[in-house]
Amino acid sequence: MTILFTLLAFAGIGLANWHMARSAIDVTPIKSGSASTLPDNSDSVITLNAREIKLLQASERPLFSNNRKPWVPPDAADVLPPSNMPELQPAEAVPLSALAVPLPVVTLVGIQKTPKGSMALLSDQTGAAPVWLKDGENYQDWQVRNITGSSADLENGTTKITLELYPVIPSAAATP
């Protein structure tokens, strides 16, 4: 009985394969974009999001199928912006020197941590005495921010620089 059932199963599989081999393969290409996936019905308005369109295209072009349709690039009319769109004008160029905030010539000399907060010891190139500053205090139009155990940040508007207590100095071997 088991042998008869196995023979019938193999015969059914063979018949299904024979039928698939004899059927015509649909090789007509589909258009990419939403135009190929929407029904041709001018009376109704259908809106699909990108995910729905991708799912519809995937069902038309299954990945591991003998009758997979080739991809056809979209028409230029589908890709180009509408003709009633105003032409964009280039913005006026502003020199970088006008945008740049001069960086302070300052060195982080020390950091002190106390129960009341951290302080950074900053020194400039003028030879003046170093200055202890708390988080939020100003130094030459720059505000001290985020004092950690080895660095302090200085901010001036949108510009931010980080001063390291122990800056990395490139070795002589790495310099060409």
Protein backbone atom coordinates (compact mmCIF):
# COMPACT_ATOMS: atom_id res chain seq x y z
CA MET A 1 0.00 0.00 0.00
CA THR A 2 2.84 2.42 0.86
CA ILE A 3 4.53 1.66 -2.45
CA LEU A 4 1.33 2.39 -4.37
CA PHE A 5 0.86 5.69 -2.53
CA THR A 6 4.50 6.69 -3.23
CA LEU A 7 4.10 5.86 -6.94
CA LEU A 8 0.92 7.97 -7.13
CA ALA A 9 2.68 10.89 -5.40
CA PHE A 10 5.60 10.77 -7.85
CA ALA A 11 3.18 10.56 -10.78
CA GLY A 12 1.34 13.66 -9.50
CA ILE A 13 4.58 15.58 -9.12
CA GLY A 14 5.68 14.55 -12.60
CA LEU A 15 2.34 15.60 -14.09
CA ALA A 16 2.58 19.02 -12.40
CA ASN A 17 6.12 19.52 -13.71
CA TRP A 18 5.11 18.45 -17.21
CA HIS A 19 2.22 20.93 -17.16
CA MET A 20 4.51 23.78 -15.98
CA ALA A 21 7.07 22.96 -18.68
CA ARG A 22 4.42 22.95 -21.41
CA SER A 23 2.69 26.21 -20.36
CA ALA A 24 3.67 29.44 -22.10
CA ILE A 25 6.01 31.71 -20.19
CA ASP A 26 4.86 35.32 -19.85
CA VAL A 27 7.88 37.40 -20.80
CA THR A 28 6.18 40.72 -21.45
CA PRO A 29 8.00 43.40 -19.44
CA ILE A 30 6.18 45.41 -16.82
CA LYS A 31 6.71 49.13 -16.41
CA SER A 32 8.28 50.29 -13.19
CA GLY A 33 6.41 52.86 -11.14
CA SER A 34 2.81 53.03 -10.13
CA ALA A 35 1.40 53.18 -13.69
CA SER A 36 1.79 49.44 -14.21
CA THR A 37 0.15 48.44 -10.96
CA LEU A 38 -2.95 50.62 -10.99
CA PRO A 39 -6.16 49.47 -12.68
CA ASP A 40 -7.20 51.39 -15.78
CA ASN A 41 -10.34 52.94 -14.35
CA SER A 42 -10.71 56.66 -15.00
CA ASP A 43 -13.86 56.98 -12.84
CA SER A 44 -12.10 56.34 -9.52
CA VAL A 45 -9.09 57.86 -7.85
CA ILE A 46 -6.73 55.41 -6.16
CA THR A 47 -3.89 56.54 -3.96
CA LEU A 48 -1.18 54.10 -2.98
CA ASN A 49 1.82 54.65 -0.80
CA ALA A 50 5.31 53.47 -1.78
CA ARG A 51 5.03 50.28 0.28
CA GLU A 52 1.81 49.21 -1.45
CA ILE A 53 3.31 49.91 -4.86
CA LYS A 54 6.38 47.82 -4.02
CA LEU A 55 4.17 44.95 -2.86
CA LEU A 56 2.13 45.10 -6.06
CA GLN A 57 5.29 45.13 -8.18
CA ALA A 58 6.72 42.21 -6.20
CA SER A 59 3.61 40.16 -6.90
CA GLU A 60 3.95 40.95 -10.63
CA ARG A 61 7.66 40.07 -10.63
CA PRO A 62 8.20 37.19 -8.16
CA LEU A 63 11.88 36.72 -7.41
CA PHE A 64 12.28 32.96 -7.98
CA SER A 65 9.86 32.36 -10.82
CA ASN A 66 10.46 31.06 -14.32
CA ASN A 67 8.11 33.66 -15.74
CA ARG A 68 9.72 36.64 -13.99
CA LYS A 69 9.17 39.75 -16.07
CA PRO A 70 12.22 41.97 -16.78
CA TRP A 71 12.48 45.42 -15.25
CA VAL A 72 11.82 48.37 -17.55
CA PRO A 73 12.97 51.87 -16.51
CA PRO A 74 10.21 54.44 -16.02
CA ASP A 75 9.40 56.98 -18.71
CA ALA A 76 11.08 60.36 -18.42
CA ALA A 77 7.66 62.00 -18.01
CA ASP A 78 7.08 59.96 -14.84
CA VAL A 79 10.43 60.99 -13.33
CA LEU A 80 10.76 64.66 -14.30
CA PRO A 81 9.18 67.35 -12.11
CA PRO A 82 5.96 68.93 -13.39
CA SER A 83 6.37 71.75 -15.89
CA ASN A 84 4.47 74.22 -13.68
CA MET A 85 7.11 73.94 -10.95
CA PRO A 86 9.05 77.23 -10.59
CA GLU A 87 12.71 77.09 -11.54
CA LEU A 88 15.04 77.20 -8.56
CA GLN A 89 17.54 80.01 -8.47
CA PRO A 90 20.99 79.47 -6.93
CA ALA A 91 21.54 81.18 -3.61
CA GLU A 92 24.03 84.00 -3.31
CA ALA A 93 27.47 82.77 -2.41
CA VAL A 94 28.77 83.93 0.95
CA PRO A 95 32.52 83.78 1.55
CA LEU A 96 33.58 81.32 4.21
CA SER A 97 35.50 84.02 6.03
CA ALA A 98 32.19 85.81 6.71
CA LEU A 99 30.69 82.67 8.21
CA ALA A 100 33.68 81.46 10.19
CA VAL A 101 34.02 82.36 13.85
CA PRO A 102 37.66 82.94 14.76
CA LEU A 103 38.87 80.12 16.96
CA PRO A 104 40.39 81.10 20.27
CA VAL A 105 44.09 80.45 20.77
CA VAL A 106 43.71 78.78 24.14
CA THR A 107 45.09 75.75 25.92
CA LEU A 108 43.41 73.57 28.53
CA VAL A 109 45.97 73.50 31.32
CA GLY A 110 44.05 71.72 34.07
CA ILE A 111 40.73 70.37 35.33
CA GLN A 112 39.48 70.48 38.91
CA LYS A 113 36.54 68.42 40.14
CA THR A 114 34.79 69.57 43.31
CA PRO A 115 31.48 68.67 44.94
CA LYS A 116 30.07 71.95 43.58
CA GLY A 117 31.10 71.10 39.99
CA SER A 118 34.04 70.93 37.64
CA MET A 119 36.31 73.79 36.62
CA ALA A 120 38.67 74.17 33.68
CA LEU A 121 41.96 76.05 33.79
CA LEU A 122 42.43 77.90 30.49
CA SER A 123 45.52 79.73 29.32
CA ASP A 124 46.02 81.83 26.21
CA GLN A 125 49.14 82.84 24.26
CA THR A 126 49.26 86.43 25.62
CA GLY A 127 51.22 85.47 28.73
CA ALA A 128 48.38 86.44 31.10
CA ALA A 129 47.70 84.29 34.15
CA PRO A 130 45.57 81.16 33.50
CA VAL A 131 41.88 81.47 34.43
CA TRP A 132 39.66 78.95 36.28
CA LEU A 133 36.19 78.77 34.69
CA LYS A 134 33.07 76.83 35.66
CA ASP A 135 30.64 75.23 33.26
CA GLY A 136 28.60 78.04 31.65
CA GLU A 137 31.12 80.86 32.18
CA ASN A 138 32.47 82.90 29.26
CA TYR A 139 36.04 83.21 27.97
CA GLN A 140 36.78 85.51 24.99
CA ASP A 141 33.20 85.30 23.61
CA TRP A 142 33.24 81.54 24.08
CA GLN A 143 31.19 79.68 26.69
CA VAL A 144 32.68 76.77 28.63
CA ARG A 145 30.54 73.62 28.37
CA ASN A 146 30.78 69.95 29.27
CA ILE A 147 33.89 69.70 31.45
CA THR A 148 34.99 66.06 31.75
CA GLY A 149 38.00 64.41 33.34
CA SER A 150 40.19 65.02 30.29
CA SER A 151 38.50 67.66 28.13
CA ALA A 152 36.32 70.77 28.03
CA ASP A 153 34.10 72.12 25.25
CA LEU A 154 33.95 75.76 24.18
CA GLU A 155 30.88 76.98 22.27
CA ASN A 156 30.23 80.15 20.32
CA GLY A 157 26.75 80.00 18.77
CA THR A 158 26.76 76.93 16.55
CA THR A 159 30.55 76.48 16.59
CA LYS A 160 31.94 74.03 19.13
CA ILE A 161 35.55 73.06 19.83
CA THR A 162 36.88 70.50 22.27
CA LEU A 163 40.04 71.22 24.22
CA GLU A 164 41.90 68.12 25.36
CA LEU A 165 43.96 68.11 28.55
CA TYR A 166 46.31 65.57 26.97
CA PRO A 167 46.16 66.21 23.20
CA VAL A 168 47.39 63.52 20.87
CA ILE A 169 50.66 64.58 19.29
CA PRO A 170 51.51 62.79 16.03
CA SER A 171 54.71 60.80 16.22
CA ALA A 172 57.72 61.68 14.08
CA ALA A 173 57.53 58.30 12.32
CA ALA A 174 53.96 58.99 11.12
CA THR A 175 54.95 62.36 9.63
CA PRO A 176 56.16 62.09 6.00
